[in-house]
């Protein structure tokens, strides 16, 4: 038999704390992936714009 009383909620409190911790970890992971995707999109846009500028230069530079 355990030494805990019938109204001991320590297991439930521990489960809630673990759940809240995992919730925070999950949101941090979501934010990190979203940020990395945003950086990747910005990089693709920069590369595409550089390509457009290079093509425009080639068209204008050749008489």
N, C-alpha and C. Protein backbone atom coordinates (compact mmCIF):
# COMPACT_ATOMS: atom_id res chain seq x y z
N UNK A 1 0.84 -1.18 0.00
CA UNK A 1 0.00 0.00 0.00
C UNK A 1 0.88 1.24 0.00
N UNK A 2 0.42 2.26 -0.66
CA UNK A 2 1.19 3.50 -0.74
C UNK A 2 0.94 4.36 0.49
N UNK A 3 1.82 5.32 0.67
CA UNK A 3 1.68 6.23 1.80
C UNK A 3 0.98 7.52 1.39
N UNK A 4 0.43 7.54 0.22
CA UNK A 4 -0.25 8.74 -0.25
C UNK A 4 -1.72 8.67 0.16
N UNK A 5 -2.28 9.86 0.35
CA UNK A 5 -3.70 9.92 0.71
C UNK A 5 -4.56 9.80 -0.53
N UNK A 6 -5.84 9.63 -0.35
CA UNK A 6 -6.77 9.46 -1.47
C UNK A 6 -6.93 10.72 -2.30
N UNK A 7 -6.58 11.85 -1.74
CA UNK A 7 -6.72 13.11 -2.46
C UNK A 7 -5.40 13.59 -3.05
N UNK A 8 -4.41 12.73 -3.10
CA UNK A 8 -3.10 13.09 -3.65
C UNK A 8 -3.20 13.19 -5.17
N UNK A 9 -2.92 14.38 -5.69
CA UNK A 9 -3.01 14.63 -7.13
C UNK A 9 -1.63 14.80 -7.78
N UNK A 10 -0.59 14.32 -7.13
CA UNK A 10 0.75 14.57 -7.65
C UNK A 10 0.95 13.93 -9.03
N UNK A 11 0.36 12.78 -9.29
CA UNK A 11 0.50 12.16 -10.61
C UNK A 11 -0.14 13.03 -11.69
N UNK A 12 -1.30 13.57 -11.40
CA UNK A 12 -1.99 14.42 -12.36
C UNK A 12 -1.26 15.74 -12.57
N UNK A 13 -0.74 16.30 -11.49
CA UNK A 13 0.02 17.55 -11.60
C UNK A 13 1.27 17.33 -12.45
N UNK A 14 1.94 16.22 -12.23
CA UNK A 14 3.14 15.89 -13.01
C UNK A 14 2.77 15.70 -14.48
N UNK A 15 1.66 15.06 -14.75
CA UNK A 15 1.23 14.87 -16.14
C UNK A 15 0.90 16.20 -16.82
N UNK A 16 0.26 17.10 -16.08
CA UNK A 16 -0.06 18.41 -16.64
C UNK A 16 1.21 19.20 -16.90
N UNK A 17 2.16 19.16 -15.99
CA UNK A 17 3.42 19.87 -16.19
C UNK A 17 4.17 19.32 -17.41
N UNK A 18 4.19 18.00 -17.56
CA UNK A 18 4.85 17.39 -18.70
C UNK A 18 4.13 17.77 -20.00
N UNK A 19 2.83 17.79 -19.96
CA UNK A 19 2.05 18.18 -21.13
C UNK A 19 2.33 19.63 -21.52
N UNK A 20 2.37 20.53 -20.55
CA UNK A 20 2.67 21.93 -20.83
C UNK A 20 4.08 22.08 -21.39
N UNK A 21 5.02 21.32 -20.85
CA UNK A 21 6.39 21.38 -21.36
C UNK A 21 6.44 20.92 -22.82
N UNK A 22 5.80 19.82 -23.12
CA UNK A 22 5.80 19.31 -24.50
C UNK A 22 5.08 20.28 -25.43
N UNK A 23 4.07 20.96 -24.93
CA UNK A 23 3.36 21.97 -25.73
C UNK A 23 4.31 23.10 -26.10
N UNK A 24 5.10 23.57 -25.14
CA UNK A 24 6.07 24.63 -25.41
C UNK A 24 7.13 24.16 -26.41
N UNK A 25 7.61 22.93 -26.24
CA UNK A 25 8.61 22.38 -27.16
C UNK A 25 8.03 22.29 -28.57
N UNK A 26 6.79 21.85 -28.67
CA UNK A 26 6.14 21.74 -29.97
C UNK A 26 6.01 23.08 -30.66
N UNK A 27 5.59 24.10 -29.92
CA UNK A 27 5.45 25.42 -30.53
C UNK A 27 6.79 26.00 -30.94
N UNK A 28 7.84 25.72 -30.15
CA UNK A 28 9.17 26.18 -30.54
C UNK A 28 9.63 25.49 -31.83
N UNK A 29 9.33 24.21 -31.96
CA UNK A 29 9.69 23.49 -33.19
C UNK A 29 8.92 24.05 -34.38
N UNK A 30 7.65 24.32 -34.20
CA UNK A 30 6.84 24.89 -35.29
C UNK A 30 7.40 26.25 -35.70
N UNK A 31 7.75 27.07 -34.72
CA UNK A 31 8.30 28.40 -35.02
C UNK A 31 9.63 28.28 -35.74
N UNK A 32 10.47 27.35 -35.33
CA UNK A 32 11.78 27.18 -35.98
C UNK A 32 11.62 26.73 -37.43
N UNK A 33 10.75 25.77 -37.67
CA UNK A 33 10.56 25.28 -39.04
C UNK A 33 9.96 26.38 -39.91
N UNK A 34 9.01 27.13 -39.36
CA UNK A 34 8.41 28.23 -40.12
C UNK A 34 9.46 29.29 -40.46
N UNK A 35 10.31 29.61 -39.51
CA UNK A 35 11.38 30.58 -39.76
C UNK A 35 12.34 30.10 -40.83
N UNK A 36 12.72 28.82 -40.75
CA UNK A 36 13.63 28.28 -41.76
C UNK A 36 12.99 28.27 -43.14
N UNK A 37 11.72 27.95 -43.22
CA UNK A 37 11.02 27.99 -44.51
C UNK A 37 10.96 29.42 -45.04
N UNK A 38 10.74 30.39 -44.16
CA UNK A 38 10.72 31.78 -44.57
C UNK A 38 12.06 32.21 -45.12
N UNK A 39 13.13 31.81 -44.46
CA UNK A 39 14.48 32.14 -44.93
C UNK A 39 14.73 31.48 -46.28
N UNK A 40 14.29 30.24 -46.44
CA UNK A 40 14.48 29.54 -47.72
C UNK A 40 13.72 30.25 -48.85
N UNK A 41 12.51 30.70 -48.59
CA UNK A 41 11.73 31.41 -49.61
C UNK A 41 12.42 32.71 -49.98
N UNK A 42 12.91 33.44 -48.99
CA UNK A 42 13.62 34.68 -49.28
C UNK A 42 14.86 34.40 -50.12
N UNK A 43 15.58 33.32 -49.81
CA UNK A 43 16.76 32.95 -50.60
C UNK A 43 16.40 32.63 -52.04
N UNK A 44 15.31 31.91 -52.25
CA UNK A 44 14.88 31.58 -53.62
C UNK A 44 14.52 32.85 -54.37
N UNK A 45 13.83 33.77 -53.72
CA UNK A 45 13.45 35.03 -54.37
C UNK A 45 14.70 35.83 -54.75
N UNK A 46 15.68 35.87 -53.88
CA UNK A 46 16.92 36.61 -54.17
C UNK A 46 17.64 35.98 -55.36
N UNK A 47 17.72 34.66 -55.39
CA UNK A 47 18.39 33.98 -56.51
C UNK A 47 17.64 34.25 -57.82
N UNK A 48 16.33 34.19 -57.78
CA UNK A 48 15.54 34.46 -58.99
C UNK A 48 15.72 35.90 -59.46
N UNK A 49 15.71 36.85 -58.55
CA UNK A 49 15.92 38.24 -58.93
C UNK A 49 17.32 38.45 -59.49
N UNK A 50 18.31 37.77 -58.92
CA UNK A 50 19.66 37.88 -59.46
C UNK A 50 19.71 37.32 -60.87
N UNK A 51 19.00 36.23 -61.11
CA UNK A 51 18.94 35.68 -62.46
C UNK A 51 18.28 36.62 -63.44
N UNK A 52 17.21 37.27 -63.02
CA UNK A 52 16.52 38.23 -63.88
C UNK A 52 17.43 39.41 -64.20
N UNK A 53 18.13 39.90 -63.21
CA UNK A 53 19.05 41.02 -63.43
C UNK A 53 20.17 40.60 -64.37
N UNK A 54 20.69 39.39 -64.20
CA UNK A 54 21.77 38.90 -65.08
C UNK A 54 21.26 38.77 -66.51
N UNK A 55 20.06 38.24 -66.69
CA UNK A 55 19.50 38.11 -68.05
C UNK A 55 19.26 39.48 -68.68
N UNK A 56 18.77 40.40 -67.88
CA UNK A 56 18.54 41.76 -68.41
C UNK A 56 19.88 42.40 -68.80
N UNK A 57 20.91 42.16 -68.04
CA UNK A 57 22.23 42.70 -68.36
C UNK A 57 22.74 42.13 -69.67
N UNK A 58 22.55 40.81 -69.85
CA UNK A 58 22.99 40.17 -71.09
C UNK A 58 22.25 40.74 -72.29
N UNK A 59 20.95 40.96 -72.15
CA UNK A 59 20.15 41.50 -73.25
C UNK A 59 20.56 42.93 -73.57
N UNK A 60 20.80 43.73 -72.56
CA UNK A 60 21.14 45.14 -72.77
C UNK A 60 22.59 45.29 -73.22
N UNK A 61 23.49 44.47 -72.74
CA UNK A 61 24.92 44.62 -73.04
C UNK A 61 25.26 44.19 -74.45
N UNK A 62 24.52 43.27 -75.04
CA UNK A 62 24.82 42.81 -76.40
C UNK A 62 24.07 43.64 -77.43
N UNK A 63 24.85 44.37 -78.25
CA UNK A 63 24.18 45.21 -79.27
C UNK A 63 23.72 44.43 -80.48
